[in-house]
Amino acid sequence: MSIVLPLSITPKDDKSVFPAFSSRDGHRELMEEAYTHLTEWLRTGFIKPTPLEVQPGGLGGIIGGLKKLENGQVSGTKLVAHPQDPPIAV
C-alpha cells in the first residue's frame, strides 16, 4: 500500500481523510494489522473506497475520460477503462 492522497488535502463536509503509508516506510506491522480488519471496515462503511466510473468503449473510452478531466467534470472519482471491452461503434 502506498500514499494515495497528498497530506495537504482538506476534507469536505464532515468527512475525514487519512493517509495510507507504505510498508517501505517502516509501517509494515501497522499495515498488516489494518489489513486484517479491511473486509469488516468496508462492510460497515468505516472506510469507503474511492467511487469509480467505468468509461465505455475499452481503450477508446480513455479519450472520453480525458475530455471529462479537461472540462473539470471529474471530482473525487476514479475513471477506469477496461481494455478488453469492445470499442463503441461510431
PDB file of N, CA and C in Angstrom:
ATOM      1  N   MET A   1       0.840  -1.170   0.000  1.00  0.00           N
ATOM      2  CA  MET A   1       0.000   0.000   0.000  1.00  0.00           C
ATOM      3  C   MET A   1       0.888   1.236   0.000  1.00  0.00           C
ATOM      4  N   SER A   2       0.500   2.263  -0.713  1.00  0.00           N
ATOM      5  CA  SER A   2       1.288   3.478  -0.808  1.00  0.00           C
ATOM      6  C   SER A   2       0.439   4.679  -0.461  1.00  0.00           C
ATOM      7  N   ILE A   3       1.091   5.802  -0.283  1.00  0.00           N
ATOM      8  CA  ILE A   3       0.343   7.028  -0.057  1.00  0.00           C
ATOM      9  C   ILE A   3      -0.409   7.345  -1.334  1.00  0.00           C
ATOM     10  N   VAL A   4      -1.723   7.492  -1.221  1.00  0.00           N
ATOM     11  CA  VAL A   4      -2.538   7.739  -2.392  1.00  0.00           C
ATOM     12  C   VAL A   4      -3.091   9.153  -2.420  1.00  0.00           C
ATOM     13  N   LEU A   5      -3.011   9.867  -1.330  1.00  0.00           N
ATOM     14  CA  LEU A   5      -3.508  11.235  -1.258  1.00  0.00           C
ATOM     15  C   LEU A   5      -2.448  12.132  -0.657  1.00  0.00           C
ATOM     16  N   PRO A   6      -2.282  13.327  -1.194  1.00  0.00           N
ATOM     17  CA  PRO A   6      -1.330  14.239  -0.560  1.00  0.00           C
ATOM     18  C   PRO A   6      -1.816  14.621   0.838  1.00  0.00           C
ATOM     19  N   LEU A   7      -0.900  14.857   1.735  1.00  0.00           N
ATOM     20  CA  LEU A   7      -1.269  15.178   3.104  1.00  0.00           C
ATOM     21  C   LEU A   7      -1.927  16.546   3.223  1.00  0.00           C
ATOM     22  N   SER A   8      -1.894  17.346   2.177  1.00  0.00           N
ATOM     23  CA  SER A   8      -2.451  18.694   2.230  1.00  0.00           C
ATOM     24  C   SER A   8      -3.939  18.743   1.873  1.00  0.00           C
ATOM     25  N   ILE A   9      -4.573  17.608   1.682  1.00  0.00           N
ATOM     26  CA  ILE A   9      -5.987  17.591   1.299  1.00  0.00           C
ATOM     27  C   ILE A   9      -6.841  18.068   2.466  1.00  0.00           C
ATOM     28  N   THR A  10      -7.798  18.938   2.167  1.00  0.00           N
ATOM     29  CA  THR A  10      -8.746  19.408   3.165  1.00  0.00           C
ATOM     30  C   THR A  10     -10.055  18.656   2.943  1.00  0.00           C
ATOM     31  N   PRO A  11     -10.542  17.950   3.965  1.00  0.00           N
ATOM     32  CA  PRO A  11     -11.787  17.188   3.798  1.00  0.00           C
ATOM     33  C   PRO A  11     -12.978  18.103   3.549  1.00  0.00           C
ATOM     34  N   LYS A  12     -13.930  17.622   2.768  1.00  0.00           N
ATOM     35  CA  LYS A  12     -15.168  18.345   2.524  1.00  0.00           C
ATOM     36  C   LYS A  12     -16.214  17.861   3.520  1.00  0.00           C
ATOM     37  N   ASP A  13     -17.128  18.731   3.866  1.00  0.00           N
ATOM     38  CA  ASP A  13     -18.248  18.414   4.754  1.00  0.00           C
ATOM     39  C   ASP A  13     -17.725  17.865   6.073  1.00  0.00           C
ATOM     40  N   ASP A  14     -18.289  16.757   6.531  1.00  0.00           N
ATOM     41  CA  ASP A  14     -17.895  16.172   7.817  1.00  0.00           C
ATOM     42  C   ASP A  14     -17.014  14.944   7.633  1.00  0.00           C
ATOM     43  N   LYS A  15     -16.340  14.851   6.485  1.00  0.00           N
ATOM     44  CA  LYS A  15     -15.528  13.672   6.177  1.00  0.00           C
ATOM     45  C   LYS A  15     -14.115  13.842   6.711  1.00  0.00           C
ATOM     46  N   SER A  16     -13.452  12.731   6.921  1.00  0.00           N
ATOM     47  CA  SER A  16     -12.062  12.733   7.361  1.00  0.00           C
ATOM     48  C   SER A  16     -11.200  12.094   6.290  1.00  0.00           C
ATOM     49  N   VAL A  17      -9.972  12.556   6.197  1.00  0.00           N
ATOM     50  CA  VAL A  17      -9.020  12.000   5.243  1.00  0.00           C
ATOM     51  C   VAL A  17      -7.809  11.536   6.028  1.00  0.00           C
ATOM     52  N   PHE A  18      -7.415  10.278   5.817  1.00  0.00           N
ATOM     53  CA  PHE A  18      -6.247   9.730   6.479  1.00  0.00           C
ATOM     54  C   PHE A  18      -5.316   9.157   5.433  1.00  0.00           C
ATOM     55  N   PRO A  19      -4.055   9.495   5.479  1.00  0.00           N
ATOM     56  CA  PRO A  19      -3.119   8.944   4.500  1.00  0.00           C
ATOM     57  C   PRO A  19      -2.850   7.466   4.775  1.00  0.00           C
ATOM     58  N   ALA A  20      -2.549   6.736   3.737  1.00  0.00           N
ATOM     59  CA  ALA A  20      -2.138   5.342   3.862  1.00  0.00           C
ATOM     60  C   ALA A  20      -0.633   5.297   3.655  1.00  0.00           C
ATOM     61  N   PHE A  21       0.059   4.590   4.509  1.00  0.00           N
ATOM     62  CA  PHE A  21       1.512   4.536   4.436  1.00  0.00           C
ATOM     63  C   PHE A  21       1.972   3.224   3.842  1.00  0.00           C
ATOM     64  N   SER A  22       3.109   3.242   3.248  1.00  0.00           N
ATOM     65  CA  SER A  22       3.679   2.073   2.599  1.00  0.00           C
ATOM     66  C   SER A  22       4.483   1.249   3.596  1.00  0.00           C
ATOM     67  N   SER A  23       4.517  -0.048   3.354  1.00  0.00           N
ATOM     68  CA  SER A  23       5.369  -0.914   4.181  1.00  0.00           C
ATOM     69  C   SER A  23       6.840  -0.557   3.969  1.00  0.00           C
ATOM     70  N   ARG A  24       7.133   0.087   2.837  1.00  0.00           N
ATOM     71  CA  ARG A  24       8.506   0.516   2.580  1.00  0.00           C
ATOM     72  C   ARG A  24       8.913   1.650   3.513  1.00  0.00           C
ATOM     73  N   ASP A  25       7.921   2.309   4.108  1.00  0.00           N
ATOM     74  CA  ASP A  25       8.202   3.421   5.009  1.00  0.00           C
ATOM     75  C   ASP A  25       8.345   2.957   6.455  1.00  0.00           C
ATOM     76  N   GLY A  26       8.447   1.662   6.685  1.00  0.00           N
ATOM     77  CA  GLY A  26       8.610   1.145   8.031  1.00  0.00           C
ATOM     78  C   GLY A  26       7.307   0.939   8.769  1.00  0.00           C
ATOM     79  N   HIS A  27       6.189   0.895   8.060  1.00  0.00           N
ATOM     80  CA  HIS A  27       4.888   0.729   8.692  1.00  0.00           C
ATOM     81  C   HIS A  27       4.288  -0.648   8.396  1.00  0.00           C
ATOM     82  N   ARG A  28       5.131  -1.606   8.129  1.00  0.00           N
ATOM     83  CA  ARG A  28       4.650  -2.937   7.742  1.00  0.00           C
ATOM     84  C   ARG A  28       3.717  -3.544   8.790  1.00  0.00           C
ATOM     85  N   GLU A  29       4.100  -3.498  10.059  1.00  0.00           N
ATOM     86  CA  GLU A  29       3.259  -4.108  11.105  1.00  0.00           C
ATOM     87  C   GLU A  29       1.904  -3.412  11.193  1.00  0.00           C
ATOM     88  N   LEU A  30       1.902  -2.093  11.081  1.00  0.00           N
ATOM     89  CA  LEU A  30       0.655  -1.340  11.112  1.00  0.00           C
ATOM     90  C   LEU A  30      -0.246  -1.748   9.952  1.00  0.00           C
ATOM     91  N   MET A  31       0.328  -1.856   8.759  1.00  0.00           N
ATOM     92  CA  MET A  31      -0.459  -2.216   7.589  1.00  0.00           C
ATOM     93  C   MET A  31      -0.960  -3.658   7.659  1.00  0.00           C
ATOM     94  N   GLU A  32      -0.161  -4.569   8.206  1.00  0.00           N
ATOM     95  CA  GLU A  32      -0.609  -5.952   8.355  1.00  0.00           C
ATOM     96  C   GLU A  32      -1.798  -6.019   9.306  1.00  0.00           C
ATOM     97  N   GLU A  33      -1.754  -5.261  10.383  1.00  0.00           N
ATOM     98  CA  GLU A  33      -2.865  -5.236  11.344  1.00  0.00           C
ATOM     99  C   GLU A  33      -4.110  -4.631  10.695  1.00  0.00           C
ATOM    100  N   ALA A  34      -3.938  -3.528   9.980  1.00  0.00           N
ATOM    101  CA  ALA A  34      -5.078  -2.888   9.319  1.00  0.00           C
ATOM    102  C   ALA A  34      -5.695  -3.828   8.284  1.00  0.00           C
ATOM    103  N   TYR A  35      -4.864  -4.569   7.577  1.00  0.00           N
ATOM    104  CA  TYR A  35      -5.350  -5.473   6.541  1.00  0.00           C
ATOM    105  C   TYR A  35      -6.278  -6.537   7.123  1.00  0.00           C
ATOM    106  N   THR A  36      -6.029  -6.969   8.354  1.00  0.00           N
ATOM    107  CA  THR A  36      -6.893  -7.988   8.966  1.00  0.00           C
ATOM    108  C   THR A  36      -8.302  -7.460   9.217  1.00  0.00           C
ATOM    109  N   HIS A  37      -8.470  -6.148   9.265  1.00  0.00           N
ATOM    110  CA  HIS A  37      -9.777  -5.536   9.514  1.00  0.00           C
ATOM    111  C   HIS A  37     -10.424  -4.967   8.256  1.00  0.00           C
ATOM    112  N   LEU A  38      -9.732  -5.020   7.137  1.00  0.00           N
ATOM    113  CA  LEU A  38     -10.173  -4.343   5.922  1.00  0.00           C
ATOM    114  C   LEU A  38     -11.573  -4.757   5.475  1.00  0.00           C
ATOM    115  N   THR A  39     -11.856  -6.041   5.429  1.00  0.00           N
ATOM    116  CA  THR A  39     -13.167  -6.511   4.985  1.00  0.00           C
ATOM    117  C   THR A  39     -14.272  -5.971   5.881  1.00  0.00           C
ATOM    118  N   GLU A  40     -14.066  -6.046   7.176  1.00  0.00           N
ATOM    119  CA  GLU A  40     -15.063  -5.538   8.132  1.00  0.00           C
ATOM    120  C   GLU A  40     -15.264  -4.030   7.953  1.00  0.00           C
ATOM    121  N   TRP A  41     -14.171  -3.292   7.819  1.00  0.00           N
ATOM    122  CA  TRP A  41     -14.272  -1.832   7.672  1.00  0.00           C
ATOM    123  C   TRP A  41     -15.017  -1.454   6.400  1.00  0.00           C
ATOM    124  N   LEU A  42     -14.785  -2.182   5.315  1.00  0.00           N
ATOM    125  CA  LEU A  42     -15.508  -1.910   4.072  1.00  0.00           C
ATOM    126  C   LEU A  42     -16.985  -2.272   4.219  1.00  0.00           C
ATOM    127  N   ARG A  43     -17.264  -3.406   4.846  1.00  0.00           N
ATOM    128  CA  ARG A  43     -18.647  -3.872   5.024  1.00  0.00           C
ATOM    129  C   ARG A  43     -19.459  -2.910   5.870  1.00  0.00           C
ATOM    130  N   THR A  44     -18.859  -2.373   6.923  1.00  0.00           N
ATOM    131  CA  THR A  44     -19.585  -1.493   7.841  1.00  0.00           C
ATOM    132  C   THR A  44     -19.575  -0.032   7.400  1.00  0.00           C
ATOM    133  N   GLY A  45     -18.790   0.288   6.387  1.00  0.00           N
ATOM    134  CA  GLY A  45     -18.717   1.668   5.933  1.00  0.00           C
ATOM    135  C   GLY A  45     -17.743   2.521   6.717  1.00  0.00           C
ATOM    136  N   PHE A  46     -16.952   1.899   7.606  1.00  0.00           N
ATOM    137  CA  PHE A  46     -15.948   2.642   8.368  1.00  0.00           C
ATOM    138  C   PHE A  46     -14.948   3.298   7.425  1.00  0.00           C
ATOM    139  N   ILE A  47     -14.606   2.582   6.364  1.00  0.00           N
ATOM    140  CA  ILE A  47     -13.814   3.177   5.285  1.00  0.00           C
ATOM    141  C   ILE A  47     -14.589   2.944   3.989  1.00  0.00           C
ATOM    142  N   LYS A  48     -14.425   3.855   3.071  1.00  0.00           N
ATOM    143  CA  LYS A  48     -15.119   3.737   1.788  1.00  0.00           C
ATOM    144  C   LYS A  48     -14.111   3.917   0.672  1.00  0.00           C
ATOM    145  N   PRO A  49     -14.164   3.031  -0.325  1.00  0.00           N
ATOM    146  CA  PRO A  49     -13.249   3.179  -1.457  1.00  0.00           C
ATOM    147  C   PRO A  49     -13.637   4.395  -2.295  1.00  0.00           C
ATOM    148  N   THR A  50     -12.700   4.885  -3.061  1.00  0.00           N
ATOM    149  CA  THR A  50     -12.971   5.977  -3.972  1.00  0.00           C
ATOM    150  C   THR A  50     -14.001   5.524  -4.995  1.00  0.00           C
ATOM    151  N   PRO A  51     -15.057   6.310  -5.218  1.00  0.00           N
ATOM    152  CA  PRO A  51     -16.031   5.924  -6.243  1.00  0.00           C
ATOM    153  C   PRO A  51     -15.344   5.821  -7.597  1.00  0.00           C
ATOM    154  N   LEU A  52     -15.834   4.918  -8.429  1.00  0.00           N
ATOM    155  CA  LEU A  52     -15.240   4.791  -9.755  1.00  0.00           C
ATOM    156  C   LEU A  52     -16.308   4.870 -10.815  1.00  0.00           C
ATOM    157  N   GLU A  53     -15.882   5.283 -11.977  1.00  0.00           N
ATOM    158  CA  GLU A  53     -16.764   5.390 -13.133  1.00  0.00           C
ATOM    159  C   GLU A  53     -16.071   4.695 -14.298  1.00  0.00           C
ATOM    160  N   VAL A  54     -16.686   3.621 -14.778  1.00  0.00           N
ATOM    161  CA  VAL A  54     -16.110   2.870 -15.895  1.00  0.00           C
ATOM    162  C   VAL A  54     -16.448   3.589 -17.190  1.00  0.00           C
ATOM    163  N   GLN A  55     -15.425   3.860 -17.974  1.00  0.00           N
ATOM    164  CA  GLN A  55     -15.601   4.513 -19.265  1.00  0.00           C
ATOM    165  C   GLN A  55     -15.903   3.445 -20.307  1.00  0.00           C
ATOM    166  N   PRO A  56     -17.007   3.585 -21.027  1.00  0.00           N
ATOM    167  CA  PRO A  56     -17.358   2.574 -22.031  1.00  0.00           C
ATOM    168  C   PRO A  56     -16.438   2.642 -23.239  1.00  0.00           C
ATOM    169  N   GLY A  57     -16.302   1.523 -23.927  1.00  0.00           N
ATOM    170  CA  GLY A  57     -15.570   1.502 -25.189  1.00  0.00           C
ATOM    171  C   GLY A  57     -14.143   1.019 -25.107  1.00  0.00           C
ATOM    172  N   GLY A  58     -13.797   0.303 -24.044  1.00  0.00           N
ATOM    173  CA  GLY A  58     -12.438  -0.218 -23.943  1.00  0.00           C
ATOM    174  C   GLY A  58     -11.414   0.897 -23.899  1.00  0.00           C
ATOM    175  N   LEU A  59     -10.298   0.703 -24.607  1.00  0.00           N
ATOM    176  CA  LEU A  59      -9.251   1.727 -24.623  1.00  0.00           C
ATOM    177  C   LEU A  59      -9.743   3.033 -25.238  1.00  0.00           C
ATOM    178  N   GLY A  60     -10.713   2.952 -26.139  1.00  0.00           N
ATOM    179  CA  GLY A  60     -11.286   4.151 -26.736  1.00  0.00           C
ATOM    180  C   GLY A  60     -11.990   5.033 -25.718  1.00  0.00           C
ATOM    181  N   GLY A  61     -12.421   4.445 -24.609  1.00  0.00           N
ATOM    182  CA  GLY A  61     -13.084   5.205 -23.557  1.00  0.00           C
ATOM    183  C   GLY A  61     -12.154   6.158 -22.835  1.00  0.00           C
ATOM    184  N   ILE A  62     -10.861   5.964 -22.987  1.00  0.00           N
ATOM    185  CA  ILE A  62      -9.888   6.844 -22.322  1.00  0.00           C
ATOM    186  C   ILE A  62     -10.021   8.268 -22.842  1.00  0.00           C
ATOM    187  N   ILE A  63     -10.295   8.413 -24.130  1.00  0.00           N
ATOM    188  CA  ILE A  63     -10.440   9.747 -24.725  1.00  0.00           C
ATOM    189  C   ILE A  63     -11.576  10.511 -24.041  1.00  0.00           C
ATOM    190  N   GLY A  64     -12.711   9.854 -23.860  1.00  0.00           N
ATOM    191  CA  GLY A  64     -13.842  10.489 -23.189  1.00  0.00           C
ATOM    192  C   GLY A  64     -13.510  10.870 -21.755  1.00  0.00           C
ATOM    193  N   GLY A  65     -12.775   9.991 -21.077  1.00  0.00           N
ATOM    194  CA  GLY A  65     -12.366  10.291 -19.708  1.00  0.00           C
ATOM    195  C   GLY A  65     -11.433  11.483 -19.634  1.00  0.00           C
ATOM    196  N   LEU A  66     -10.505  11.570 -20.581  1.00  0.00           N
ATOM    197  CA  LEU A  66      -9.585  12.711 -20.613  1.00  0.00           C
ATOM    198  C   LEU A  66     -10.328  14.014 -20.894  1.00  0.00           C
ATOM    199  N   LYS A  67     -11.340  13.948 -21.751  1.00  0.00           N
ATOM    200  CA  LYS A  67     -12.143  15.137 -22.029  1.00  0.00           C
ATOM    201  C   LYS A  67     -12.887  15.591 -20.779  1.00  0.00           C
ATOM    202  N   LYS A  68     -13.417  14.636 -20.016  1.00  0.00           N
ATOM    203  CA  LYS A  68     -14.089  14.979 -18.756  1.00  0.00           C
ATOM    204  C   LYS A  68     -13.120  15.662 -17.798  1.00  0.00           C
ATOM    205  N   LEU A  69     -11.904  15.138 -17.718  1.00  0.00           N
ATOM    206  CA  LEU A  69     -10.896  15.746 -16.846  1.00  0.00           C
ATOM    207  C   LEU A  69     -10.577  17.167 -17.310  1.00  0.00           C
ATOM    208  N   GLU A  70     -10.378  17.342 -18.616  1.00  0.00           N
ATOM    209  CA  GLU A  70     -10.086  18.661 -19.177  1.00  0.00           C
ATOM    210  C   GLU A  70     -11.179  19.673 -18.870  1.00  0.00           C
ATOM    211  N   ASN A  71     -12.427  19.223 -18.914  1.00  0.00           N
ATOM    212  CA  ASN A  71     -13.572  20.108 -18.709  1.00  0.00           C
ATOM    213  C   ASN A  71     -13.949  20.266 -17.237  1.00  0.00           C
ATOM    214  N   GLY A  72     -13.152  19.681 -16.347  1.00  0.00           N
ATOM    215  CA  GLY A  72     -13.430  19.809 -14.917  1.00  0.00           C
ATOM    216  C   GLY A  72     -14.681  19.070 -14.473  1.00  0.00           C
ATOM    217  N   GLN A  73     -15.032  17.987 -15.159  1.00  0.00           N
ATOM    218  CA  GLN A  73     -16.239  17.231 -14.843  1.00  0.00           C
ATOM    219  C   GLN A  73     -15.983  16.039 -13.927  1.00  0.00           C
ATOM    220  N   VAL A  74     -14.762  15.920 -13.428  1.00  0.00           N
ATOM    221  CA  VAL A  74     -14.411  14.787 -12.565  1.00  0.00           C
ATOM    222  C   VAL A  74     -13.887  15.318 -11.245  1.00  0.00           C
ATOM    223  N   SER A  75     -14.478  14.864 -10.150  1.00  0.00           N
ATOM    224  CA  SER A  75     -14.012  15.256  -8.825  1.00  0.00           C
ATOM    225  C   SER A  75     -14.283  14.111  -7.858  1.00  0.00           C
ATOM    226  N   GLY A  76     -13.236  13.618  -7.218  1.00  0.00           N
ATOM    227  CA  GLY A  76     -13.402  12.555  -6.233  1.00  0.00           C
ATOM    228  C   GLY A  76     -13.833  11.232  -6.824  1.00  0.00           C
ATOM    229  N   THR A  77     -13.566  11.019  -8.090  1.00  0.00           N
ATOM    230  CA  THR A  77     -13.963   9.793  -8.775  1.00  0.00           C
ATOM    231  C   THR A  77     -12.783   9.263  -9.569  1.00  0.00           C
ATOM    232  N   LYS A  78     -12.614   7.954  -9.531  1.00  0.00           N
ATOM    233  CA  LYS A  78     -11.561   7.301 -10.305  1.00  0.00           C
ATOM    234  C   LYS A  78     -12.169   6.859 -11.632  1.00  0.00           C
ATOM    235  N   LEU A  79     -11.565   7.277 -12.728  1.00  0.00           N
ATOM    236  CA  LEU A  79     -12.021   6.857 -14.045  1.00  0.00           C
ATOM    237  C   LEU A  79     -11.288   5.580 -14.441  1.00  0.00           C
ATOM    238  N   VAL A  80     -12.035   4.592 -14.925  1.00  0.00           N
ATOM    239  CA  VAL A  80     -11.478   3.280 -15.245  1.00  0.00           C
ATOM    240  C   VAL A  80     -11.858   2.909 -16.674  1.00  0.00           C
ATOM    241  N   ALA A  81     -10.901   2.387 -17.420  1.00  0.00           N
ATOM    242  CA  ALA A  81     -11.160   1.835 -18.747  1.00  0.00           C
ATOM    243  C   ALA A  81     -10.782   0.358 -18.721  1.00  0.00           C
ATOM    244  N   HIS A  82     -11.638  -0.473 -19.269  1.00  0.00           N
ATOM    245  CA  HIS A  82     -11.354  -1.897 -19.375  1.00  0.00           C
ATOM    246  C   HIS A  82     -10.881  -2.170 -20.796  1.00  0.00           C
ATOM    247  N   PRO A  83      -9.584  -2.383 -21.004  1.00  0.00           N
ATOM    248  CA  PRO A  83      -9.054  -2.567 -22.355  1.00  0.00           C
ATOM    249  C   PRO A  83      -9.687  -3.727 -23.106  1.00  0.00           C
ATOM    250  N   GLN A  84     -10.168  -4.728 -22.374  1.00  0.00           N
ATOM    251  CA  GLN A  84     -10.731  -5.913 -23.036  1.00  0.00           C
ATOM    252  C   GLN A  84     -12.146  -5.674 -23.562  1.00  0.00           C
ATOM    253  N   ASP A  85     -12.805  -4.553 -23.161  1.00  0.00           N
ATOM    254  CA  ASP A  85     -14.159  -4.270 -23.649  1.00  0.00           C
ATOM    255  C   ASP A  85     -14.108  -3.878 -25.125  1.00  0.00           C
ATOM    256  N   PRO A  86     -15.160  -4.224 -25.859  1.00  0.00           N
ATOM    257  CA  PRO A  86     -15.175  -3.854 -27.281  1.00  0.00           C
ATOM    258  C   PRO A  86     -15.361  -2.354 -27.456  1.00  0.00           C
ATOM    259  N   PRO A  87     -14.813  -1.807 -28.537  1.00  0.00           N
ATOM    260  CA  PRO A  87     -14.996  -0.366 -28.785  1.00  0.00           C
ATOM    261  C   PRO A  87     -16.441  -0.056 -29.105  1.00  0.00           C
ATOM    262  N   ILE A  88     -16.813   1.189 -28.884  1.00  0.00           N
ATOM    263  CA  ILE A  88     -18.163   1.637 -29.206  1.00  0.00           C
ATOM    264  C   ILE A  88     -18.227   1.954 -30.700  1.00  0.00           C
ATOM    265  N   ALA A  89     -19.260   1.451 -31.381  1.00  0.00           N
ATOM    266  CA  ALA A  89     -19.428   1.724 -32.815  1.00  0.00           C
ATOM    267  C   ALA A  89     -19.825   3.179 -32.996  1.00  0.00           C
ATOM    268  N   VAL A  90     -19.201   3.810 -33.952  1.00  0.00           N
ATOM    269  CA  VAL A  90     -19.480   5.234 -34.211  1.00  0.00           C
ATOM    270  C   VAL A  90     -20.437   5.384 -35.369  1.00  0.00           C
TER     271      VAL A  90
END
